[in-house]
Amino acid sequence: MPSLTLNRADIEKFAAFINAHAIKQIFIAKDHGAYVGASIGEKANCIFYFAGCDPNKDKDYYDTSHSKFGGDDFGEHLDAKAVTTAAADARVKSLKFTITATTLKVECFR
């Protein structure tokens, strides 16, 4: 079951981007890699890739993404409050996104 864990610095960076651009929804997607992020069109984005799924860094990103998530591309939207609420709580040390065939889970760890 693939997961992506953001550390405190990543949470703060993500929340700052969300707040600066008044973003209401973040996304989890698999297309050209697999990632969690937010975007304001082609002008700017804030993306965090699942391990091995970054096309800019991982030579085998396509095969890794396919192995972890299957062959079809997908995209799911989540309320951006999942990130901004975590950032507002100084006790939160990490934020974990986990995907299974039937569920999507976001967990905060203190």
PDB file of N, CA and C in Angstrom:
ATOM      1  N   MET A   1       0.854  -1.169   0.000  1.00  0.00           N
ATOM      2  CA  MET A   1       0.000   0.000   0.000  1.00  0.00           C
ATOM      3  C   MET A   1       0.900   1.231   0.000  1.00  0.00           C
ATOM      4  N   PRO A   2       0.905   1.979  -1.095  1.00  0.00           N
ATOM      5  CA  PRO A   2       1.787   3.144  -1.227  1.00  0.00           C
ATOM      6  C   PRO A   2       1.401   4.267  -0.263  1.00  0.00           C
ATOM      7  N   SER A   3       2.432   4.912   0.259  1.00  0.00           N
ATOM      8  CA  SER A   3       2.187   6.062   1.125  1.00  0.00           C
ATOM      9  C   SER A   3       3.264   7.112   0.902  1.00  0.00           C
ATOM     10  N   LEU A   4       2.918   8.322   1.236  1.00  0.00           N
ATOM     11  CA  LEU A   4       3.821   9.463   1.147  1.00  0.00           C
ATOM     12  C   LEU A   4       3.724  10.199   2.464  1.00  0.00           C
ATOM     13  N   THR A   5       4.864  10.408   3.120  1.00  0.00           N
ATOM     14  CA  THR A   5       4.883  11.115   4.389  1.00  0.00           C
ATOM     15  C   THR A   5       5.599  12.446   4.221  1.00  0.00           C
ATOM     16  N   LEU A   6       4.899  13.518   4.573  1.00  0.00           N
ATOM     17  CA  LEU A   6       5.489  14.856   4.554  1.00  0.00           C
ATOM     18  C   LEU A   6       5.993  15.178   5.951  1.00  0.00           C
ATOM     19  N   ASN A   7       7.214  15.690   6.044  1.00  0.00           N
ATOM     20  CA  ASN A   7       7.733  16.113   7.339  1.00  0.00           C
ATOM     21  C   ASN A   7       7.233  17.520   7.653  1.00  0.00           C
ATOM     22  N   ARG A   8       7.595  18.019   8.811  1.00  0.00           N
ATOM     23  CA  ARG A   8       7.093  19.326   9.265  1.00  0.00           C
ATOM     24  C   ARG A   8       7.430  20.438   8.266  1.00  0.00           C
ATOM     25  N   ALA A   9       8.640  20.448   7.754  1.00  0.00           N
ATOM     26  CA  ALA A   9       9.033  21.488   6.787  1.00  0.00           C
ATOM     27  C   ALA A   9       8.184  21.403   5.520  1.00  0.00           C
ATOM     28  N   ASP A  10       7.928  20.185   5.039  1.00  0.00           N
ATOM     29  CA  ASP A  10       7.090  20.000   3.849  1.00  0.00           C
ATOM     30  C   ASP A  10       5.655  20.463   4.102  1.00  0.00           C
ATOM     31  N   ILE A  11       5.132  20.138   5.288  1.00  0.00           N
ATOM     32  CA  ILE A  11       3.771  20.565   5.639  1.00  0.00           C
ATOM     33  C   ILE A  11       3.677  22.085   5.616  1.00  0.00           C
ATOM     34  N   GLU A  12       4.653  22.749   6.203  1.00  0.00           N
ATOM     35  CA  GLU A  12       4.641  24.215   6.242  1.00  0.00           C
ATOM     36  C   GLU A  12       4.782  24.818   4.854  1.00  0.00           C
ATOM     37  N   LYS A  13       5.636  24.232   4.011  1.00  0.00           N
ATOM     38  CA  LYS A  13       5.796  24.712   2.630  1.00  0.00           C
ATOM     39  C   LYS A  13       4.487  24.548   1.856  1.00  0.00           C
ATOM     40  N   PHE A  14       3.863  23.380   2.000  1.00  0.00           N
ATOM     41  CA  PHE A  14       2.605  23.077   1.316  1.00  0.00           C
ATOM     42  C   PHE A  14       1.512  24.037   1.782  1.00  0.00           C
ATOM     43  N   ALA A  15       1.389  24.226   3.082  1.00  0.00           N
ATOM     44  CA  ALA A  15       0.363  25.122   3.637  1.00  0.00           C
ATOM     45  C   ALA A  15       0.594  26.564   3.195  1.00  0.00           C
ATOM     46  N   ALA A  16       1.842  26.997   3.158  1.00  0.00           N
ATOM     47  CA  ALA A  16       2.143  28.366   2.720  1.00  0.00           C
ATOM     48  C   ALA A  16       1.690  28.574   1.270  1.00  0.00           C
ATOM     49  N   PHE A  17       1.938  27.588   0.407  1.00  0.00           N
ATOM     50  CA  PHE A  17       1.504  27.669  -0.985  1.00  0.00           C
ATOM     51  C   PHE A  17      -0.019  27.726  -1.068  1.00  0.00           C
ATOM     52  N   ILE A  18      -0.671  26.847  -0.328  1.00  0.00           N
ATOM     53  CA  ILE A  18      -2.134  26.799  -0.306  1.00  0.00           C
ATOM     54  C   ILE A  18      -2.708  28.133   0.153  1.00  0.00           C
ATOM     55  N   ASN A  19      -2.183  28.668   1.236  1.00  0.00           N
ATOM     56  CA  ASN A  19      -2.678  29.937   1.783  1.00  0.00           C
ATOM     57  C   ASN A  19      -2.374  31.117   0.867  1.00  0.00           C
ATOM     58  N   ALA A  20      -1.188  31.144   0.278  1.00  0.00           N
ATOM     59  CA  ALA A  20      -0.800  32.258  -0.598  1.00  0.00           C
ATOM     60  C   ALA A  20      -1.689  32.363  -1.831  1.00  0.00           C
ATOM     61  N   HIS A  21      -2.236  31.233  -2.265  1.00  0.00           N
ATOM     62  CA  HIS A  21      -3.039  31.220  -3.489  1.00  0.00           C
ATOM     63  C   HIS A  21      -4.512  30.905  -3.236  1.00  0.00           C
ATOM     64  N   ALA A  22      -4.920  30.922  -1.968  1.00  0.00           N
ATOM     65  CA  ALA A  22      -6.323  30.677  -1.591  1.00  0.00           C
ATOM     66  C   ALA A  22      -6.866  29.393  -2.231  1.00  0.00           C
ATOM     67  N   ILE A  23      -6.086  28.340  -2.172  1.00  0.00           N
ATOM     68  CA  ILE A  23      -6.460  27.060  -2.766  1.00  0.00           C
ATOM     69  C   ILE A  23      -7.403  26.314  -1.830  1.00  0.00           C
ATOM     70  N   LYS A  24      -8.473  25.794  -2.374  1.00  0.00           N
ATOM     71  CA  LYS A  24      -9.492  25.082  -1.588  1.00  0.00           C
ATOM     72  C   LYS A  24      -9.314  23.562  -1.613  1.00  0.00           C
ATOM     73  N   GLN A  25      -8.706  23.043  -2.695  1.00  0.00           N
ATOM     74  CA  GLN A  25      -8.545  21.597  -2.819  1.00  0.00           C
ATOM     75  C   GLN A  25      -7.117  21.248  -3.232  1.00  0.00           C
ATOM     76  N   ILE A  26      -6.611  20.166  -2.651  1.00  0.00           N
ATOM     77  CA  ILE A  26      -5.352  19.592  -3.099  1.00  0.00           C
ATOM     78  C   ILE A  26      -5.694  18.347  -3.900  1.00  0.00           C
ATOM     79  N   PHE A  27      -4.684  17.702  -4.485  1.00  0.00           N
ATOM     80  CA  PHE A  27      -4.960  16.514  -5.272  1.00  0.00           C
ATOM     81  C   PHE A  27      -3.914  15.439  -5.029  1.00  0.00           C
ATOM     82  N   ILE A  28      -4.339  14.221  -5.267  1.00  0.00           N
ATOM     83  CA  ILE A  28      -3.455  13.072  -5.338  1.00  0.00           C
ATOM     84  C   ILE A  28      -3.654  12.530  -6.744  1.00  0.00           C
ATOM     85  N   ALA A  29      -2.548  12.309  -7.462  1.00  0.00           N
ATOM     86  CA  ALA A  29      -2.691  11.908  -8.860  1.00  0.00           C
ATOM     87  C   ALA A  29      -1.589  10.944  -9.276  1.00  0.00           C
ATOM     88  N   LYS A  30      -1.912  10.174 -10.293  1.00  0.00           N
ATOM     89  CA  LYS A  30      -0.936   9.363 -11.006  1.00  0.00           C
ATOM     90  C   LYS A  30      -1.166   9.614 -12.480  1.00  0.00           C
ATOM     91  N   ASP A  31      -0.208  10.220 -13.099  1.00  0.00           N
ATOM     92  CA  ASP A  31      -0.211  10.372 -14.549  1.00  0.00           C
ATOM     93  C   ASP A  31       1.240  10.335 -14.995  1.00  0.00           C
ATOM     94  N   HIS A  32       1.909  11.458 -14.988  1.00  0.00           N
ATOM     95  CA  HIS A  32       3.345  11.511 -15.285  1.00  0.00           C
ATOM     96  C   HIS A  32       4.072  11.454 -13.940  1.00  0.00           C
ATOM     97  N   GLY A  33       4.096  10.286 -13.329  1.00  0.00           N
ATOM     98  CA  GLY A  33       4.565  10.098 -11.961  1.00  0.00           C
ATOM     99  C   GLY A  33       3.369   9.950 -11.044  1.00  0.00           C
ATOM    100  N   ALA A  34       3.642   9.915  -9.733  1.00  0.00           N
ATOM    101  CA  ALA A  34       2.567   9.832  -8.740  1.00  0.00           C
ATOM    102  C   ALA A  34       2.893  10.812  -7.627  1.00  0.00           C
ATOM    103  N   TYR A  35       1.896  11.621  -7.227  1.00  0.00           N
ATOM    104  CA  TYR A  35       2.196  12.738  -6.353  1.00  0.00           C
ATOM    105  C   TYR A  35       0.977  13.272  -5.622  1.00  0.00           C
ATOM    106  N   VAL A  36       1.278  14.110  -4.633  1.00  0.00           N
ATOM    107  CA  VAL A  36       0.291  14.901  -3.906  1.00  0.00           C
ATOM    108  C   VAL A  36       0.670  16.347  -4.167  1.00  0.00           C
ATOM    109  N   GLY A  37      -0.325  17.217  -4.368  1.00  0.00           N
ATOM    110  CA  GLY A  37       0.041  18.602  -4.621  1.00  0.00           C
ATOM    111  C   GLY A  37      -1.122  19.552  -4.723  1.00  0.00           C
ATOM    112  N   ALA A  38      -0.753  20.768  -5.100  1.00  0.00           N
ATOM    113  CA  ALA A  38      -1.708  21.849  -5.347  1.00  0.00           C
ATOM    114  C   ALA A  38      -1.154  22.663  -6.507  1.00  0.00           C
ATOM    115  N   SER A  39      -2.056  23.274  -7.244  1.00  0.00           N
ATOM    116  CA  SER A  39      -1.632  23.992  -8.441  1.00  0.00           C
ATOM    117  C   SER A  39      -2.514  25.200  -8.689  1.00  0.00           C
ATOM    118  N   ILE A  40      -1.934  26.202  -9.315  1.00  0.00           N
ATOM    119  CA  ILE A  40      -2.727  27.331  -9.814  1.00  0.00           C
ATOM    120  C   ILE A  40      -2.532  27.393 -11.330  1.00  0.00           C
ATOM    121  N   GLY A  41      -2.887  26.316 -11.964  1.00  0.00           N
ATOM    122  CA  GLY A  41      -2.729  26.211 -13.401  1.00  0.00           C
ATOM    123  C   GLY A  41      -1.274  25.936 -13.751  1.00  0.00           C
ATOM    124  N   GLU A  42      -0.841  26.434 -14.883  1.00  0.00           N
ATOM    125  CA  GLU A  42       0.535  26.208 -15.316  1.00  0.00           C
ATOM    126  C   GLU A  42       1.505  27.222 -14.721  1.00  0.00           C
ATOM    127  N   LYS A  43       0.980  28.215 -13.998  1.00  0.00           N
ATOM    128  CA  LYS A  43       1.832  29.266 -13.433  1.00  0.00           C
ATOM    129  C   LYS A  43       2.702  28.775 -12.292  1.00  0.00           C
ATOM    130  N   ALA A  44       2.131  28.004 -11.389  1.00  0.00           N
ATOM    131  CA  ALA A  44       2.876  27.544 -10.214  1.00  0.00           C
ATOM    132  C   ALA A  44       2.208  26.315  -9.627  1.00  0.00           C
ATOM    133  N   ASN A  45       3.039  25.492  -9.005  1.00  0.00           N
ATOM    134  CA  ASN A  45       2.502  24.338  -8.304  1.00  0.00           C
ATOM    135  C   ASN A  45       3.430  23.950  -7.166  1.00  0.00           C
ATOM    136  N   CYS A  46       2.909  23.138  -6.299  1.00  0.00           N
ATOM    137  CA  CYS A  46       3.652  22.613  -5.160  1.00  0.00           C
ATOM    138  C   CYS A  46       3.368  21.117  -5.147  1.00  0.00           C
ATOM    139  N   ILE A  47       4.368  20.325  -5.500  1.00  0.00           N
ATOM    140  CA  ILE A  47       4.188  18.895  -5.720  1.00  0.00           C
ATOM    141  C   ILE A  47       5.146  18.101  -4.829  1.00  0.00           C
ATOM    142  N   PHE A  48       4.644  17.006  -4.278  1.00  0.00           N
ATOM    143  CA  PHE A  48       5.440  16.064  -3.494  1.00  0.00           C
ATOM    144  C   PHE A  48       5.215  14.679  -4.097  1.00  0.00           C
ATOM    145  N   TYR A  49       6.286  14.051  -4.577  1.00  0.00           N
ATOM    146  CA  TYR A  49       6.182  12.764  -5.259  1.00  0.00           C
ATOM    147  C   TYR A  49       6.301  11.587  -4.292  1.00  0.00           C
ATOM    148  N   PHE A  50       5.570  10.520  -4.591  1.00  0.00           N
ATOM    149  CA  PHE A  50       5.742   9.257  -3.889  1.00  0.00           C
ATOM    150  C   PHE A  50       7.147   8.739  -4.224  1.00  0.00           C
ATOM    151  N   ALA A  51       7.748   8.000  -3.323  1.00  0.00           N
ATOM    152  CA  ALA A  51       9.103   7.474  -3.511  1.00  0.00           C
ATOM    153  C   ALA A  51       9.202   6.690  -4.814  1.00  0.00           C
ATOM    154  N   GLY A  52      10.201   7.053  -5.611  1.00  0.00           N
ATOM    155  CA  GLY A  52      10.444   6.363  -6.869  1.00  0.00           C
ATOM    156  C   GLY A  52       9.563   6.791  -8.020  1.00  0.00           C
ATOM    157  N   CYS A  53       8.676   7.759  -7.796  1.00  0.00           N
ATOM    158  CA  CYS A  53       7.682   8.144  -8.812  1.00  0.00           C
ATOM    159  C   CYS A  53       7.871   9.560  -9.364  1.00  0.00           C
ATOM    160  N   ASP A  54       9.053  10.130  -9.204  1.00  0.00           N
ATOM    161  CA  ASP A  54       9.333  11.493  -9.667  1.00  0.00           C
ATOM    162  C   ASP A  54      10.028  11.427 -11.028  1.00  0.00           C
ATOM    163  N   PRO A  55       9.357  11.868 -12.092  1.00  0.00           N
ATOM    164  CA  PRO A  55       9.961  11.780 -13.428  1.00  0.00           C
ATOM    165  C   PRO A  55      11.205  12.650 -13.586  1.00  0.00           C
ATOM    166  N   ASN A  56      11.391  13.622 -12.709  1.00  0.00           N
ATOM    167  CA  ASN A  56      12.567  14.485 -12.784  1.00  0.00           C
ATOM    168  C   ASN A  56      13.790  13.880 -12.095  1.00  0.00           C
ATOM    169  N   LYS A  57      13.568  12.859 -11.271  1.00  0.00           N
ATOM    170  CA  LYS A  57      14.672  12.282 -10.499  1.00  0.00           C
ATOM    171  C   LYS A  57      14.821  10.771 -10.649  1.00  0.00           C
ATOM    172  N   ASP A  58      13.740  10.094 -10.939  1.00  0.00           N
ATOM    173  CA  ASP A  58      13.743   8.634 -10.932  1.00  0.00           C
ATOM    174  C   ASP A  58      13.662   8.078 -12.351  1.00  0.00           C
ATOM    175  N   LYS A  59      14.730   7.411 -12.772  1.00  0.00           N
ATOM    176  CA  LYS A  59      14.805   6.864 -14.122  1.00  0.00           C
ATOM    177  C   LYS A  59      13.647   5.911 -14.421  1.00  0.00           C
ATOM    178  N   ASP A  60      13.266   5.096 -13.438  1.00  0.00           N
ATOM    179  CA  ASP A  60      12.215   4.101 -13.622  1.00  0.00           C
ATOM    180  C   ASP A  60      10.871   4.548 -13.040  1.00  0.00           C
ATOM    181  N   TYR A  61      10.622   5.870 -13.006  1.00  0.00           N
ATOM    182  CA  TYR A  61       9.391   6.389 -12.389  1.00  0.00           C
ATOM    183  C   TYR A  61       8.131   5.766 -12.992  1.00  0.00           C
ATOM    184  N   TYR A  62       8.123   5.548 -14.309  1.00  0.00           N
ATOM    185  CA  TYR A  62       6.927   5.008 -14.960  1.00  0.00           C
ATOM    186  C   TYR A  62       6.620   3.611 -14.436  1.00  0.00           C
ATOM    187  N   ASP A  63       7.621   2.734 -14.427  1.00  0.00           N
ATOM    188  CA  ASP A  63       7.429   1.362 -13.956  1.00  0.00           C
ATOM    189  C   ASP A  63       7.098   1.329 -12.469  1.00  0.00           C
ATOM    190  N   THR A  64       7.746   2.179 -11.681  1.00  0.00           N
ATOM    191  CA  THR A  64       7.474   2.226 -10.247  1.00  0.00           C
ATOM    192  C   THR A  64       6.052   2.696  -9.994  1.00  0.00           C
ATOM    193  N   SER A  65       5.624   3.754 -10.674  1.00  0.00           N
ATOM    194  CA  SER A  65       4.256   4.259 -10.528  1.00  0.00           C
ATOM    195  C   SER A  65       3.247   3.187 -10.922  1.00  0.00           C
ATOM    196  N   HIS A  66       3.515   2.507 -12.013  1.00  0.00           N
ATOM    197  CA  HIS A  66       2.622   1.444 -12.491  1.00  0.00           C
ATOM    198  C   HIS A  66       2.560   0.310 -11.479  1.00  0.00           C
ATOM    199  N   SER A  67       3.691  -0.062 -10.927  1.00  0.00           N
ATOM    200  CA  SER A  67       3.743  -1.148  -9.939  1.00  0.00           C
ATOM    201  C   SER A  67       2.985  -0.792  -8.658  1.00  0.00           C
ATOM    202  N   LYS A  68       3.128   0.447  -8.192  1.00  0.00           N
ATOM    203  CA  LYS A  68       2.491   0.865  -6.945  1.00  0.00           C
ATOM    204  C   LYS A  68       1.004   1.154  -7.097  1.00  0.00           C
ATOM    205  N   PHE A  69       0.603   1.715  -8.254  1.00  0.00           N
ATOM    206  CA  PHE A  69      -0.757   2.237  -8.398  1.00  0.00           C
ATOM    207  C   PHE A  69      -1.574   1.608  -9.523  1.00  0.00           C
ATOM    208  N   GLY A  70      -1.006   0.702 -10.278  1.00  0.00           N
ATOM    209  CA  GLY A  70      -1.731   0.115 -11.400  1.00  0.00           C
ATOM    210  C   GLY A  70      -1.521   0.918 -12.668  1.00  0.00           C
ATOM    211  N   GLY A  71      -2.135   0.444 -13.730  1.00  0.00           N
ATOM    212  CA  GLY A  71      -1.894   1.023 -15.044  1.00  0.00           C
ATOM    213  C   GLY A  71      -2.673   2.278 -15.372  1.00  0.00           C
ATOM    214  N   ASP A  72      -3.837   2.447 -14.788  1.00  0.00           N
ATOM    215  CA  ASP A  72      -4.665   3.598 -15.133  1.00  0.00           C
ATOM    216  C   ASP A  72      -4.229   4.851 -14.397  1.00  0.00           C
ATOM    217  N   ASP A  73      -4.311   5.985 -15.084  1.00  0.00           N
ATOM    218  CA  ASP A  73      -4.076   7.272 -14.433  1.00  0.00           C
ATOM    219  C   ASP A  73      -5.281   7.597 -13.572  1.00  0.00           C
ATOM    220  N   PHE A  74      -5.068   8.391 -12.531  1.00  0.00           N
ATOM    221  CA  PHE A  74      -6.179   8.813 -11.686  1.00  0.00           C
ATOM    222  C   PHE A  74      -5.859  10.161 -11.056  1.00  0.00           C
ATOM    223  N   GLY A  75      -6.883  10.779 -10.554  1.00  0.00           N
ATOM    224  CA  GLY A  75      -6.742  12.016  -9.800  1.00  0.00           C
ATOM    225  C   GLY A  75      -7.892  12.121  -8.814  1.00  0.00           C
ATOM    226  N   GLU A  76      -7.588  12.436  -7.589  1.00  0.00           N
ATOM    227  CA  GLU A  76      -8.598  12.616  -6.549  1.00  0.00           C
ATOM    228  C   GLU A  76      -8.344  13.952  -5.858  1.00  0.00           C
ATOM    229  N   HIS A  77      -9.406  14.649  -5.541  1.00  0.00           N
ATOM    230  CA  HIS A  77      -9.295  15.922  -4.826  1.00  0.00           C
ATOM    231  C   HIS A  77      -9.634  15.745  -3.351  1.00  0.00           C
ATOM    232  N   LEU A  78      -8.943  16.501  -2.526  1.00  0.00           N
ATOM    233  CA  LEU A  78      -9.173  16.517  -1.088  1.00  0.00           C
ATOM    234  C   LEU A  78      -9.254  17.957  -0.626  1.00  0.00           C
ATOM    235  N   ASP A  79      -9.928  18.170   0.465  1.00  0.00           N
ATOM    236  CA  ASP A  79     -10.015  19.504   1.067  1.00  0.00           C
ATOM    237  C   ASP A  79      -8.617  19.932   1.506  1.00  0.00           C
ATOM    238  N   ALA A  80      -8.209  21.128   1.137  1.00  0.00           N
ATOM    239  CA  ALA A  80      -6.892  21.646   1.493  1.00  0.00           C
ATOM    240  C   ALA A  80      -6.729  21.821   3.003  1.00  0.00           C
ATOM    241  N   LYS A  81      -7.835  21.817   3.729  1.00  0.00           N
ATOM    242  CA  LYS A  81      -7.758  21.939   5.185  1.00  0.00           C
ATOM    243  C   LYS A  81      -6.987  20.791   5.820  1.00  0.00           C
ATOM    244  N   ALA A  82      -6.899  19.664   5.134  1.00  0.00           N
ATOM    245  CA  ALA A  82      -6.105  18.554   5.661  1.00  0.00           C
ATOM    246  C   ALA A  82      -4.664  19.000   5.895  1.00  0.00           C
ATOM    247  N   VAL A  83      -4.169  19.867   5.031  1.00  0.00           N
ATOM    248  CA  VAL A  83      -2.794  20.363   5.146  1.00  0.00           C
ATOM    249  C   VAL A  83      -2.720  21.592   6.045  1.00  0.00           C
ATOM    250  N   THR A  84      -3.614  22.547   5.840  1.00  0.00           N
ATOM    251  CA  THR A  84      -3.521  23.788   6.615  1.00  0.00           C
ATOM    252  C   THR A  84      -3.809  23.570   8.095  1.00  0.00           C
ATOM    253  N   THR A  85      -4.700  22.649   8.406  1.00  0.00           N
ATOM    254  CA  THR A  85      -4.981  22.332   9.807  1.00  0.00           C
ATOM    255  C   THR A  85      -3.760  21.668  10.453  1.00  0.00           C
ATOM    256  N   ALA A  86      -3.117  20.779   9.730  1.00  0.00           N
ATOM    257  CA  ALA A  86      -1.901  20.137  10.245  1.00  0.00           C
ATOM    258  C   ALA A  86      -0.804  21.168  10.475  1.00  0.00           C
ATOM    259  N   ALA A  87      -0.662  22.103   9.543  1.00  0.00           N
ATOM    260  CA  ALA A  87       0.375  23.136   9.680  1.00  0.00           C
ATOM    261  C   ALA A  87       0.104  24.055  10.863  1.00  0.00           C
ATOM    262  N   ALA A  88      -1.157  24.313  11.151  1.00  0.00           N
ATOM    263  CA  ALA A  88      -1.525  25.213  12.250  1.00  0.00           C
ATOM    264  C   ALA A  88      -1.281  24.591  13.626  1.00  0.00           C
ATOM    265  N   ASP A  89      -1.154  23.278  13.684  1.00  0.00           N
ATOM    266  CA  ASP A  89      -0.928  22.581  14.956  1.00  0.00           C
ATOM    267  C   ASP A  89       0.562  22.258  15.070  1.00  0.00           C
ATOM    268  N   ALA A  90       1.271  22.996  15.891  1.00  0.00           N
ATOM    269  CA  ALA A  90       2.722  22.833  16.038  1.00  0.00           C
ATOM    270  C   ALA A  90       3.110  21.440  16.537  1.00  0.00           C
ATOM    271  N   ARG A  91       2.162  20.718  17.104  1.00  0.00           N
ATOM    272  CA  ARG A  91       2.465  19.361  17.588  1.00  0.00           C
ATOM    273  C   ARG A  91       2.553  18.349  16.458  1.00  0.00           C
ATOM    274  N   VAL A  92       2.003  18.663  15.294  1.00  0.00           N
ATOM    275  CA  VAL A  92       2.025  17.732  14.159  1.00  0.00           C
ATOM    276  C   VAL A  92       3.434  17.715  13.573  1.00  0.00           C
ATOM    277  N   LYS A  93       4.012  16.529  13.550  1.00  0.00           N
ATOM    278  CA  LYS A  93       5.379  16.337  13.036  1.00  0.00           C
ATOM    279  C   LYS A  93       5.392  15.823  11.602  1.00  0.00           C
ATOM    280  N   SER A  94       4.328  15.079  11.225  1.00  0.00           N
ATOM    281  CA  SER A  94       4.268  14.558   9.867  1.00  0.00           C
ATOM    282  C   SER A  94       2.818  14.344   9.439  1.00  0.00           C
ATOM    283  N   LEU A  95       2.639  14.297   8.138  1.00  0.00           N
ATOM    284  CA  LEU A  95       1.330  14.096   7.522  1.00  0.00           C
ATOM    285  C   LEU A  95       1.508  12.982   6.499  1.00  0.00           C
ATOM    286  N   LYS A  96       0.733  11.907   6.646  1.00  0.00           N
ATOM    287  CA  LYS A  96       0.902  10.728   5.800  1.00  0.00           C
ATOM    288  C   LYS A  96      -0.321  10.503   4.919  1.00  0.00           C
ATOM    289  N   PHE A  97      -0.080  10.352   3.622  1.00  0.00           N
ATOM    290  CA  PHE A  97      -1.108  10.043   2.637  1.00  0.00           C
ATOM    291  C   PHE A  97      -0.922   8.580   2.235  1.00  0.00           C
ATOM    292  N   THR A  98      -1.963   7.763   2.417  1.00  0.00           N
ATOM    293  CA  THR A  98      -1.891   6.342   2.087  1.00  0.00           C
ATOM    294  C   THR A  98      -3.022   6.001   1.120  1.00  0.00           C
ATOM    295  N   ILE A  99      -2.684   5.208   0.098  1.00  0.00           N
ATOM    296  CA  ILE A  99      -3.668   4.824  -0.918  1.00  0.00           C
ATOM    297  C   ILE A  99      -3.741   3.308  -1.008  1.00  0.00           C
ATOM    298  N   THR A 100      -4.967   2.794  -1.003  1.00  0.00           N
ATOM    299  CA  THR A 100      -5.199   1.377  -1.301  1.00  0.00           C
ATOM    300  C   THR A 100      -6.132   1.324  -2.508  1.00  0.00           C
ATOM    301  N   ALA A 101      -6.507   0.145  -2.902  1.00  0.00           N
ATOM    302  CA  ALA A 101      -7.412  -0.009  -4.045  1.00  0.00           C
ATOM    303  C   ALA A 101      -8.777   0.596  -3.776  1.00  0.00           C
ATOM    304  N   THR A 102      -9.159   0.720  -2.497  1.00  0.00           N
ATOM    305  CA  THR A 102     -10.500   1.203  -2.172  1.00  0.00           C
ATOM    306  C   THR A 102     -10.531   2.418  -1.249  1.00  0.00           C
ATOM    307  N   THR A 103      -9.396   2.827  -0.716  1.00  0.00           N
ATOM    308  CA  THR A 103      -9.396   3.944   0.248  1.00  0.00           C
ATOM    309  C   THR A 103      -8.249   4.906   0.021  1.00  0.00           C
ATOM    310  N   LEU A 104      -8.458   6.087   0.543  1.00  0.00           N
ATOM    311  CA  LEU A 104      -7.453   7.134   0.567  1.00  0.00           C
ATOM    312  C   LEU A 104      -7.464   7.672   1.982  1.00  0.00           C
ATOM    313  N   LYS A 105      -6.336   7.625   2.657  1.00  0.00           N
ATOM    314  CA  LYS A 105      -6.300   8.027   4.056  1.00  0.00           C
ATOM    315  C   LYS A 105      -5.234   9.092   4.254  1.00  0.00           C
ATOM    316  N   VAL A 106      -5.583  10.108   5.080  1.00  0.00           N
ATOM    317  CA  VAL A 106      -4.641  11.156   5.469  1.00  0.00           C
ATOM    318  C   VAL A 106      -4.564  11.139   6.992  1.00  0.00           C
ATOM    319  N   GLU A 107      -3.343  10.988   7.505  1.00  0.00           N
ATOM    320  CA  GLU A 107      -3.148  10.907   8.948  1.00  0.00           C
ATOM    321  C   GLU A 107      -2.092  11.909   9.410  1.00  0.00           C
ATOM    322  N   CYS A 108      -2.358  12.516  10.561  1.00  0.00           N
ATOM    323  CA  CYS A 108      -1.396  13.393  11.221  1.00  0.00           C
ATOM    324  C   CYS A 108      -0.707  12.622  12.322  1.00  0.00           C
ATOM    325  N   PHE A 109       0.595  12.841  12.469  1.00  0.00           N
ATOM    326  CA  PHE A 109       1.338  12.208  13.556  1.00  0.00           C
ATOM    327  C   PHE A 109       2.015  13.274  14.387  1.00  0.00           C
ATOM    328  N   ARG A 110       1.873  13.111  15.696  1.00  0.00           N
ATOM    329  CA  ARG A 110       2.470  14.070  16.644  1.00  0.00           C
ATOM    330  C   ARG A 110       3.688  13.481  17.262  1.00  0.00           C
TER     331      ARG A 110
END
